[in-house]
Amino acid sequence: MSKPFHLLDRARGHRGGTIPQHRAIWSLPLPLGRIWGSAALACVLSAALLWLRPWVSLAWGSQMIWWMHALALPGQFDLVGPGTGVGEIFALGVPSIELALDVPDTRMPLWHGGALAALWWCTAWLPEPAKPLAFFVRLGVLIHAASVLFFVFWPASFVHTVGGHVISGMRQSWYLIVLTPWIHLATYYLFPFAMWQRALLTLLTAGYLFVLTPLQYALHVALVNAGGLILLPLLHLLFGVMLAITGFVALYGWGMSWPGQRSADDRARP
């Protein structure tokens, strides 16, 4: 009979060292003071973000209009459109972008299809460490391939516009900014970090979204102007709010690596 596996061996790595228990599976103590303080911080930060809403609207609109003129894009651009949204308290006025597109080339889907086939083939030659990048690229290829097929058979049925894409995308980013303190309340504030660390992570995340959004959608407009509406599904699904969420998660991971204020029970753990 083989020797029974000792429970302590589960905590040892392949070099014989002890693997400490990850803090994600600790039994996290939640003092009432931390809970109430975190909830109050989320309320204060949310109120501050909503108070800054008119300034955010003006700043985003000015940035978008500046880029439209700097890139010499054809169309009509208004600084701020109607501020409708999910309730008046969360509504955000965003710029109105009406891009004047050229008549699409009927051969454009064929060019895109050929480029997608070549890109799919090229990803097979990436080295093993680059396989995650290959998976991401092939996901984009599949999404854009579906768009190409749609524009081959039903081009007149595509009812989405660049202006609608910009409006919905910028408002999604704004809603994510407003929800940031409450997302952090459930995922970060309850860990034993200092109050200034909690506030700093939320402010950095909101600042990242504030800077990214007008640059991101100005680039989308420029790409659609160059490549046509056939690019819009890919930009919406893969490089829209998903891009903002990716950065959101990356900043959260960075914040979780900050040294926190461990309690006596936490310090007693290996």
C-alpha atoms as a PDB file:
ATOM      1  CA  MET A   1       0.000   0.000   0.000  1.00  0.00           C
ATOM      2  CA  SER A   2       1.347   3.401  -0.903  1.00  0.00           C
ATOM      3  CA  LYS A   3       2.113   5.936   1.757  1.00  0.00           C
ATOM      4  CA  PRO A   4      -0.914   8.175   2.457  1.00  0.00           C
ATOM      5  CA  PHE A   5      -0.634  11.698   1.192  1.00  0.00           C
ATOM      6  CA  HIS A   6       0.006  13.988   4.148  1.00  0.00           C
ATOM      7  CA  LEU A   7      -2.137  17.074   4.371  1.00  0.00           C
ATOM      8  CA  LEU A   8       0.895  19.275   4.971  1.00  0.00           C
ATOM      9  CA  ASP A   9       2.370  18.242   1.605  1.00  0.00           C
ATOM     10  CA  ARG A  10      -0.401  20.152  -0.139  1.00  0.00           C
ATOM     11  CA  ALA A  11       1.131  23.416   1.070  1.00  0.00           C
ATOM     12  CA  ARG A  12       4.564  22.692  -0.366  1.00  0.00           C
ATOM     13  CA  GLY A  13       5.803  23.746  -3.798  1.00  0.00           C
ATOM     14  CA  HIS A  14       7.940  21.695  -6.173  1.00  0.00           C
ATOM     15  CA  ARG A  15      11.094  23.131  -4.542  1.00  0.00           C
ATOM     16  CA  GLY A  16      10.000  22.077  -1.059  1.00  0.00           C
ATOM     17  CA  GLY A  17       9.046  25.543   0.151  1.00  0.00           C
ATOM     18  CA  THR A  18       5.778  26.342   1.892  1.00  0.00           C
ATOM     19  CA  ILE A  19       3.056  27.926  -0.224  1.00  0.00           C
ATOM     20  CA  PRO A  20       1.196  30.516   1.896  1.00  0.00           C
ATOM     21  CA  GLN A  21      -2.544  30.607   1.674  1.00  0.00           C
ATOM     22  CA  HIS A  22      -3.738  33.254  -0.784  1.00  0.00           C
ATOM     23  CA  ARG A  23      -5.586  36.122   0.858  1.00  0.00           C
ATOM     24  CA  ALA A  24      -8.504  35.620  -1.531  1.00  0.00           C
ATOM     25  CA  ILE A  25      -9.524  32.509   0.460  1.00  0.00           C
ATOM     26  CA  TRP A  26      -8.918  33.870   3.943  1.00  0.00           C
ATOM     27  CA  SER A  27     -11.906  34.185   6.214  1.00  0.00           C
ATOM     28  CA  LEU A  28     -11.967  37.954   5.949  1.00  0.00           C
ATOM     29  CA  PRO A  29     -13.056  39.765   9.114  1.00  0.00           C
ATOM     30  CA  LEU A  30     -15.448  42.620   8.399  1.00  0.00           C
ATOM     31  CA  PRO A  31     -15.552  45.114  11.265  1.00  0.00           C
ATOM     32  CA  LEU A  32     -18.630  47.319  11.236  1.00  0.00           C
ATOM     33  CA  GLY A  33     -16.417  50.398  11.171  1.00  0.00           C
ATOM     34  CA  ARG A  34     -14.829  49.283   7.895  1.00  0.00           C
ATOM     35  CA  ILE A  35     -18.218  48.510   6.335  1.00  0.00           C
ATOM     36  CA  TRP A  36     -19.777  51.848   7.303  1.00  0.00           C
ATOM     37  CA  GLY A  37     -16.655  53.783   6.398  1.00  0.00           C
ATOM     38  CA  SER A  38     -16.469  52.103   2.993  1.00  0.00           C
ATOM     39  CA  ALA A  39     -20.149  52.778   2.292  1.00  0.00           C
ATOM     40  CA  ALA A  40     -19.712  56.430   3.278  1.00  0.00           C
ATOM     41  CA  LEU A  41     -16.677  56.728   1.020  1.00  0.00           C
ATOM     42  CA  ALA A  42     -18.634  55.260  -1.917  1.00  0.00           C
ATOM     43  CA  CYS A  43     -21.460  57.756  -1.312  1.00  0.00           C
ATOM     44  CA  VAL A  44     -19.076  60.728  -1.153  1.00  0.00           C
ATOM     45  CA  LEU A  45     -17.193  59.725  -4.306  1.00  0.00           C
ATOM     46  CA  SER A  46     -20.418  59.057  -6.224  1.00  0.00           C
ATOM     47  CA  ALA A  47     -21.814  62.445  -5.207  1.00  0.00           C
ATOM     48  CA  ALA A  48     -18.578  64.130  -6.323  1.00  0.00           C
ATOM     49  CA  LEU A  49     -18.682  62.359  -9.711  1.00  0.00           C
ATOM     50  CA  LEU A  50     -22.311  63.351 -10.278  1.00  0.00           C
ATOM     51  CA  TRP A  51     -21.507  66.934  -9.300  1.00  0.00           C
ATOM     52  CA  LEU A  52     -18.753  66.929 -11.958  1.00  0.00           C
ATOM     53  CA  ARG A  53     -21.150  65.616 -14.630  1.00  0.00           C
ATOM     54  CA  PRO A  54     -21.590  68.933 -16.544  1.00  0.00           C
ATOM     55  CA  TRP A  55     -17.825  69.460 -16.607  1.00  0.00           C
ATOM     56  CA  VAL A  56     -17.253  65.891 -17.865  1.00  0.00           C
ATOM     57  CA  SER A  57     -19.826  66.426 -20.601  1.00  0.00           C
ATOM     58  CA  LEU A  58     -18.195  69.664 -21.739  1.00  0.00           C
ATOM     59  CA  ALA A  59     -14.676  68.217 -21.582  1.00  0.00           C
ATOM     60  CA  TRP A  60     -15.588  65.116 -23.591  1.00  0.00           C
ATOM     61  CA  GLY A  61     -17.510  67.132 -26.144  1.00  0.00           C
ATOM     62  CA  SER A  62     -14.672  69.605 -26.611  1.00  0.00           C
ATOM     63  CA  GLN A  63     -12.146  66.799 -27.012  1.00  0.00           C
ATOM     64  CA  MET A  64     -14.256  64.989 -29.598  1.00  0.00           C
ATOM     65  CA  ILE A  65     -14.905  68.104 -31.668  1.00  0.00           C
ATOM     66  CA  TRP A  66     -11.208  69.029 -31.527  1.00  0.00           C
ATOM     67  CA  TRP A  67     -10.227  65.621 -32.852  1.00  0.00           C
ATOM     68  CA  MET A  68     -12.860  65.713 -35.591  1.00  0.00           C
ATOM     69  CA  HIS A  69     -11.391  68.965 -36.913  1.00  0.00           C
ATOM     70  CA  ALA A  70      -7.763  67.959 -36.302  1.00  0.00           C
ATOM     71  CA  LEU A  71      -8.297  64.785 -38.353  1.00  0.00           C
ATOM     72  CA  ALA A  72     -10.207  66.739 -41.020  1.00  0.00           C
ATOM     73  CA  LEU A  73     -13.135  64.324 -40.919  1.00  0.00           C
ATOM     74  CA  PRO A  74     -16.171  65.236 -43.041  1.00  0.00           C
ATOM     75  CA  GLY A  75     -19.537  65.677 -41.373  1.00  0.00           C
ATOM     76  CA  GLN A  76     -21.472  67.715 -38.841  1.00  0.00           C
ATOM     77  CA  PHE A  77     -20.324  67.806 -35.241  1.00  0.00           C
ATOM     78  CA  ASP A  78     -22.165  69.474 -32.376  1.00  0.00           C
ATOM     79  CA  LEU A  79     -20.559  70.052 -29.008  1.00  0.00           C
ATOM     80  CA  VAL A  80     -23.199  68.516 -26.768  1.00  0.00           C
ATOM     81  CA  GLY A  81     -26.275  66.556 -27.733  1.00  0.00           C
ATOM     82  CA  PRO A  82     -29.337  65.976 -25.562  1.00  0.00           C
ATOM     83  CA  GLY A  83     -28.492  64.671 -22.112  1.00  0.00           C
ATOM     84  CA  THR A  84     -30.873  61.738 -22.003  1.00  0.00           C
ATOM     85  CA  GLY A  85     -29.877  58.628 -20.135  1.00  0.00           C
ATOM     86  CA  VAL A  86     -30.874  56.275 -17.316  1.00  0.00           C
ATOM     87  CA  GLY A  87     -32.747  58.820 -15.268  1.00  0.00           C
ATOM     88  CA  GLU A  88     -32.078  62.534 -15.242  1.00  0.00           C
ATOM     89  CA  ILE A  89     -29.665  62.313 -12.327  1.00  0.00           C
ATOM     90  CA  PHE A  90     -27.343  60.041 -14.346  1.00  0.00           C
ATOM     91  CA  ALA A  91     -27.933  61.632 -17.768  1.00  0.00           C
ATOM     92  CA  LEU A  92     -24.890  62.895 -19.633  1.00  0.00           C
ATOM     93  CA  GLY A  93     -24.853  65.162 -22.665  1.00  0.00           C
ATOM     94  CA  VAL A  94     -22.487  63.746 -25.278  1.00  0.00           C
ATOM     95  CA  PRO A  95     -21.334  65.222 -28.605  1.00  0.00           C
ATOM     96  CA  SER A  96     -23.422  64.649 -31.711  1.00  0.00           C
ATOM     97  CA  ILE A  97     -21.265  63.086 -34.445  1.00  0.00           C
ATOM     98  CA  GLU A  98     -22.713  62.830 -37.947  1.00  0.00           C
ATOM     99  CA  LEU A  99     -19.997  61.478 -40.221  1.00  0.00           C
ATOM    100  CA  ALA A 100     -20.359  61.933 -43.986  1.00  0.00           C
ATOM    101  CA  LEU A 101     -19.196  58.589 -45.390  1.00  0.00           C
ATOM    102  CA  ASP A 102     -18.335  57.909 -49.005  1.00  0.00           C
ATOM    103  CA  VAL A 103     -20.313  55.385 -51.036  1.00  0.00           C
ATOM    104  CA  PRO A 104     -18.920  51.995 -49.948  1.00  0.00           C
ATOM    105  CA  ASP A 105     -16.841  50.026 -52.404  1.00  0.00           C
ATOM    106  CA  THR A 106     -18.631  46.775 -53.315  1.00  0.00           C
ATOM    107  CA  ARG A 107     -15.276  44.983 -53.287  1.00  0.00           C
ATOM    108  CA  MET A 108     -14.503  46.082 -49.745  1.00  0.00           C
ATOM    109  CA  PRO A 109     -15.844  42.873 -48.068  1.00  0.00           C
ATOM    110  CA  LEU A 110     -13.611  40.795 -50.354  1.00  0.00           C
ATOM    111  CA  TRP A 111     -10.529  42.766 -49.331  1.00  0.00           C
ATOM    112  CA  HIS A 112     -11.479  42.390 -45.690  1.00  0.00           C
ATOM    113  CA  GLY A 113     -12.095  38.649 -46.119  1.00  0.00           C
ATOM    114  CA  GLY A 114      -8.673  38.144 -47.685  1.00  0.00           C
ATOM    115  CA  ALA A 115      -6.979  40.114 -44.907  1.00  0.00           C
ATOM    116  CA  LEU A 116      -8.803  38.057 -42.257  1.00  0.00           C
ATOM    117  CA  ALA A 117      -7.748  34.768 -43.839  1.00  0.00           C
ATOM    118  CA  ALA A 118      -4.117  35.926 -43.939  1.00  0.00           C
ATOM    119  CA  LEU A 119      -4.282  37.129 -40.325  1.00  0.00           C
ATOM    120  CA  TRP A 120      -5.734  33.816 -39.137  1.00  0.00           C
ATOM    121  CA  TRP A 121      -2.963  31.929 -40.922  1.00  0.00           C
ATOM    122  CA  CYS A 122      -0.232  34.210 -39.532  1.00  0.00           C
ATOM    123  CA  THR A 123      -1.313  33.645 -35.923  1.00  0.00           C
ATOM    124  CA  ALA A 124      -0.433  29.952 -36.288  1.00  0.00           C
ATOM    125  CA  TRP A 125       3.216  30.961 -36.617  1.00  0.00           C
ATOM    126  CA  LEU A 126       3.354  32.833 -33.316  1.00  0.00           C
ATOM    127  CA  PRO A 127       5.630  31.250 -30.665  1.00  0.00           C
ATOM    128  CA  GLU A 128       4.164  29.425 -27.690  1.00  0.00           C
ATOM    129  CA  PRO A 129       4.477  32.363 -25.219  1.00  0.00           C
ATOM    130  CA  ALA A 130       2.396  34.491 -27.631  1.00  0.00           C
ATOM    131  CA  LYS A 131      -0.521  32.036 -27.794  1.00  0.00           C
ATOM    132  CA  PRO A 132      -2.798  34.235 -25.617  1.00  0.00           C
ATOM    133  CA  LEU A 133      -2.298  37.029 -28.154  1.00  0.00           C
ATOM    134  CA  ALA A 134      -3.136  34.592 -30.957  1.00  0.00           C
ATOM    135  CA  PHE A 135      -6.421  33.658 -29.224  1.00  0.00           C
ATOM    136  CA  PHE A 136      -7.353  37.315 -28.863  1.00  0.00           C
ATOM    137  CA  VAL A 137      -6.517  38.063 -32.508  1.00  0.00           C
ATOM    138  CA  ARG A 138      -8.533  35.079 -33.708  1.00  0.00           C
ATOM    139  CA  LEU A 139     -11.499  36.186 -31.622  1.00  0.00           C
ATOM    140  CA  GLY A 140     -11.339  39.520 -33.426  1.00  0.00           C
ATOM    141  CA  VAL A 141     -11.045  37.691 -36.755  1.00  0.00           C
ATOM    142  CA  LEU A 142     -14.206  35.679 -36.033  1.00  0.00           C
ATOM    143  CA  ILE A 143     -16.173  38.777 -35.028  1.00  0.00           C
ATOM    144  CA  HIS A 144     -15.074  40.717 -38.090  1.00  0.00           C
ATOM    145  CA  ALA A 145     -15.677  37.701 -40.355  1.00  0.00           C
ATOM    146  CA  ALA A 146     -19.311  37.679 -39.228  1.00  0.00           C
ATOM    147  CA  SER A 147     -19.501  41.390 -40.052  1.00  0.00           C
ATOM    148  CA  VAL A 148     -17.999  40.759 -43.502  1.00  0.00           C
ATOM    149  CA  LEU A 149     -20.563  38.040 -44.242  1.00  0.00           C
ATOM    150  CA  PHE A 150     -23.376  40.347 -43.135  1.00  0.00           C
ATOM    151  CA  PHE A 151     -22.175  43.146 -45.414  1.00  0.00           C
ATOM    152  CA  VAL A 152     -21.838  40.716 -48.331  1.00  0.00           C
ATOM    153  CA  PHE A 153     -25.441  39.481 -48.161  1.00  0.00           C
ATOM    154  CA  TRP A 154     -27.437  42.161 -46.268  1.00  0.00           C
ATOM    155  CA  PRO A 155     -25.561  45.480 -46.468  1.00  0.00           C
ATOM    156  CA  ALA A 156     -28.760  47.557 -46.627  1.00  0.00           C
ATOM    157  CA  SER A 157     -30.049  46.023 -43.384  1.00  0.00           C
ATOM    158  CA  PHE A 158     -27.305  47.557 -41.240  1.00  0.00           C
ATOM    159  CA  VAL A 159     -29.095  50.365 -39.410  1.00  0.00           C
ATOM    160  CA  HIS A 160     -26.407  51.399 -36.910  1.00  0.00           C
ATOM    161  CA  THR A 161     -24.599  54.712 -37.350  1.00  0.00           C
ATOM    162  CA  VAL A 162     -21.314  56.164 -36.191  1.00  0.00           C
ATOM    163  CA  GLY A 163     -23.155  58.808 -34.175  1.00  0.00           C
ATOM    164  CA  GLY A 164     -25.232  56.198 -32.370  1.00  0.00           C
ATOM    165  CA  HIS A 165     -22.103  54.177 -31.644  1.00  0.00           C
ATOM    166  CA  VAL A 166     -20.352  57.212 -30.130  1.00  0.00           C
ATOM    167  CA  ILE A 167     -23.365  58.198 -28.030  1.00  0.00           C
ATOM    168  CA  SER A 168     -23.963  54.719 -26.589  1.00  0.00           C
ATOM    169  CA  GLY A 169     -20.272  54.048 -26.021  1.00  0.00           C
ATOM    170  CA  MET A 170     -19.555  57.312 -24.216  1.00  0.00           C
ATOM    171  CA  ARG A 171     -22.618  56.922 -22.019  1.00  0.00           C
ATOM    172  CA  GLN A 172     -21.615  53.372 -21.125  1.00  0.00           C
ATOM    173  CA  SER A 173     -18.235  54.708 -20.049  1.00  0.00           C
ATOM    174  CA  TRP A 174     -19.937  57.405 -17.975  1.00  0.00           C
ATOM    175  CA  TYR A 175     -22.169  54.854 -16.246  1.00  0.00           C
ATOM    176  CA  LEU A 176     -19.084  52.766 -15.500  1.00  0.00           C
ATOM    177  CA  ILE A 177     -17.429  55.826 -13.945  1.00  0.00           C
ATOM    178  CA  VAL A 178     -20.474  56.464 -11.742  1.00  0.00           C
ATOM    179  CA  LEU A 179     -20.597  52.799 -10.686  1.00  0.00           C
ATOM    180  CA  THR A 180     -16.867  52.604  -9.948  1.00  0.00           C
ATOM    181  CA  PRO A 181     -17.123  53.458  -6.210  1.00  0.00           C
ATOM    182  CA  TRP A 182     -19.835  50.829  -5.717  1.00  0.00           C
ATOM    183  CA  ILE A 183     -17.963  48.160  -7.665  1.00  0.00           C
ATOM    184  CA  HIS A 184     -14.912  48.908  -5.542  1.00  0.00           C
ATOM    185  CA  LEU A 185     -17.081  48.833  -2.419  1.00  0.00           C
ATOM    186  CA  ALA A 186     -17.933  45.181  -3.111  1.00  0.00           C
ATOM    187  CA  THR A 187     -14.506  44.109  -4.400  1.00  0.00           C
ATOM    188  CA  TYR A 188     -11.837  46.306  -2.791  1.00  0.00           C
ATOM    189  CA  TYR A 189     -12.996  48.519   0.062  1.00  0.00           C
ATOM    190  CA  LEU A 190     -13.828  45.563   2.321  1.00  0.00           C
ATOM    191  CA  PHE A 191     -10.213  44.415   2.327  1.00  0.00           C
ATOM    192  CA  PRO A 192      -7.979  45.943   5.021  1.00  0.00           C
ATOM    193  CA  PHE A 193      -6.640  48.849   2.985  1.00  0.00           C
ATOM    194  CA  ALA A 194      -6.271  52.380   4.279  1.00  0.00           C
ATOM    195  CA  MET A 195      -9.015  54.836   3.450  1.00  0.00           C
ATOM    196  CA  TRP A 196      -6.664  56.865   1.255  1.00  0.00           C
ATOM    197  CA  GLN A 197      -5.808  53.716  -0.723  1.00  0.00           C
ATOM    198  CA  ARG A 198      -9.480  52.998  -1.390  1.00  0.00           C
ATOM    199  CA  ALA A 199     -10.151  56.571  -2.488  1.00  0.00           C
ATOM    200  CA  LEU A 200      -6.977  56.676  -4.607  1.00  0.00           C
ATOM    201  CA  LEU A 201      -7.838  53.509  -6.548  1.00  0.00           C
ATOM    202  CA  THR A 202     -11.326  54.806  -7.341  1.00  0.00           C
ATOM    203  CA  LEU A 203     -10.004  58.208  -8.423  1.00  0.00           C
ATOM    204  CA  LEU A 204      -7.308  56.634 -10.598  1.00  0.00           C
ATOM    205  CA  THR A 205      -9.878  54.357 -12.243  1.00  0.00           C
ATOM    206  CA  ALA A 206     -12.294  57.222 -12.878  1.00  0.00           C
ATOM    207  CA  GLY A 207      -9.420  59.315 -14.246  1.00  0.00           C
ATOM    208  CA  TYR A 208      -8.382  56.495 -16.576  1.00  0.00           C
ATOM    209  CA  LEU A 209     -11.927  56.205 -17.955  1.00  0.00           C
ATOM    210  CA  PHE A 210     -12.222  59.980 -18.263  1.00  0.00           C
ATOM    211  CA  VAL A 211      -9.040  60.249 -20.346  1.00  0.00           C
ATOM    212  CA  LEU A 212      -9.615  57.101 -22.394  1.00  0.00           C
ATOM    213  CA  THR A 213     -13.202  57.670 -23.541  1.00  0.00           C
ATOM    214  CA  PRO A 214     -12.901  60.672 -25.921  1.00  0.00           C
ATOM    215  CA  LEU A 215      -9.626  59.348 -27.377  1.00  0.00           C
ATOM    216  CA  GLN A 216     -11.121  55.906 -27.865  1.00  0.00           C
ATOM    217  CA  TYR A 217     -14.240  57.073 -29.714  1.00  0.00           C
ATOM    218  CA  ALA A 218     -12.416  59.701 -31.752  1.00  0.00           C
ATOM    219  CA  LEU A 219     -10.223  56.853 -33.000  1.00  0.00           C
ATOM    220  CA  HIS A 220     -13.342  54.791 -33.748  1.00  0.00           C
ATOM    221  CA  VAL A 221     -14.764  57.597 -35.887  1.00  0.00           C
ATOM    222  CA  ALA A 222     -11.469  57.951 -37.765  1.00  0.00           C
ATOM    223  CA  LEU A 223     -11.276  54.197 -38.410  1.00  0.00           C
ATOM    224  CA  VAL A 224     -14.855  54.023 -39.679  1.00  0.00           C
ATOM    225  CA  ASN A 225     -14.172  57.005 -41.930  1.00  0.00           C
ATOM    226  CA  ALA A 226     -11.190  55.120 -43.400  1.00  0.00           C
ATOM    227  CA  GLY A 227     -12.633  51.594 -43.507  1.00  0.00           C
ATOM    228  CA  GLY A 228     -16.393  52.001 -43.600  1.00  0.00           C
ATOM    229  CA  LEU A 229     -19.261  50.849 -41.399  1.00  0.00           C
ATOM    230  CA  ILE A 230     -18.080  47.262 -41.800  1.00  0.00           C
ATOM    231  CA  LEU A 231     -15.665  47.957 -38.921  1.00  0.00           C
ATOM    232  CA  LEU A 232     -18.385  49.064 -36.519  1.00  0.00           C
ATOM    233  CA  PRO A 233     -19.346  45.632 -35.071  1.00  0.00           C
ATOM    234  CA  LEU A 234     -15.711  44.831 -34.266  1.00  0.00           C
ATOM    235  CA  LEU A 235     -15.138  48.227 -32.680  1.00  0.00           C
ATOM    236  CA  HIS A 236     -18.321  47.930 -30.633  1.00  0.00           C
ATOM    237  CA  LEU A 237     -17.916  44.360 -29.395  1.00  0.00           C
ATOM    238  CA  LEU A 238     -14.175  44.107 -28.842  1.00  0.00           C
ATOM    239  CA  PHE A 239     -12.859  47.655 -28.539  1.00  0.00           C
ATOM    240  CA  GLY A 240     -15.819  49.417 -26.985  1.00  0.00           C
ATOM    241  CA  VAL A 241     -16.731  49.165 -23.321  1.00  0.00           C
ATOM    242  CA  MET A 242     -14.704  45.929 -23.110  1.00  0.00           C
ATOM    243  CA  LEU A 243     -11.534  47.983 -23.497  1.00  0.00           C
ATOM    244  CA  ALA A 244     -12.594  50.215 -20.617  1.00  0.00           C
ATOM    245  CA  ILE A 245     -13.403  47.183 -18.445  1.00  0.00           C
ATOM    246  CA  THR A 246     -10.016  45.600 -19.230  1.00  0.00           C
ATOM    247  CA  GLY A 247      -8.220  48.673 -17.913  1.00  0.00           C
ATOM    248  CA  PHE A 248     -10.604  48.781 -14.951  1.00  0.00           C
ATOM    249  CA  VAL A 249      -9.668  45.220 -13.987  1.00  0.00           C
ATOM    250  CA  ALA A 250      -5.960  45.882 -14.535  1.00  0.00           C
ATOM    251  CA  LEU A 251      -6.033  48.850 -12.156  1.00  0.00           C
ATOM    252  CA  TYR A 252      -7.957  46.771  -9.624  1.00  0.00           C
ATOM    253  CA  GLY A 253      -5.296  44.061  -9.799  1.00  0.00           C
ATOM    254  CA  TRP A 254      -2.609  46.675  -9.256  1.00  0.00           C
ATOM    255  CA  GLY A 255      -4.485  48.097  -6.285  1.00  0.00           C
ATOM    256  CA  MET A 256      -4.805  44.641  -4.729  1.00  0.00           C
ATOM    257  CA  SER A 257      -1.003  44.374  -4.773  1.00  0.00           C
ATOM    258  CA  TRP A 258      -0.613  47.450  -2.559  1.00  0.00           C
ATOM    259  CA  PRO A 259       0.470  46.717   1.025  1.00  0.00           C
ATOM    260  CA  GLY A 260      -2.587  46.869   3.230  1.00  0.00           C
ATOM    261  CA  GLN A 261      -3.259  47.247   6.925  1.00  0.00           C
ATOM    262  CA  ARG A 262      -3.248  43.640   8.109  1.00  0.00           C
ATOM    263  CA  SER A 263      -4.903  42.805  11.386  1.00  0.00           C
ATOM    264  CA  ALA A 264      -3.333  40.681  14.123  1.00  0.00           C
ATOM    265  CA  ASP A 265      -5.197  37.593  12.865  1.00  0.00           C
ATOM    266  CA  ASP A 266      -4.011  38.250   9.306  1.00  0.00           C
ATOM    267  CA  ARG A 267      -0.368  38.580  10.444  1.00  0.00           C
ATOM    268  CA  ALA A 268      -0.619  35.257  12.250  1.00  0.00           C
ATOM    269  CA  ARG A 269      -1.374  33.444   9.013  1.00  0.00           C
ATOM    270  CA  PRO A 270       1.542  31.949   7.053  1.00  0.00           C
END
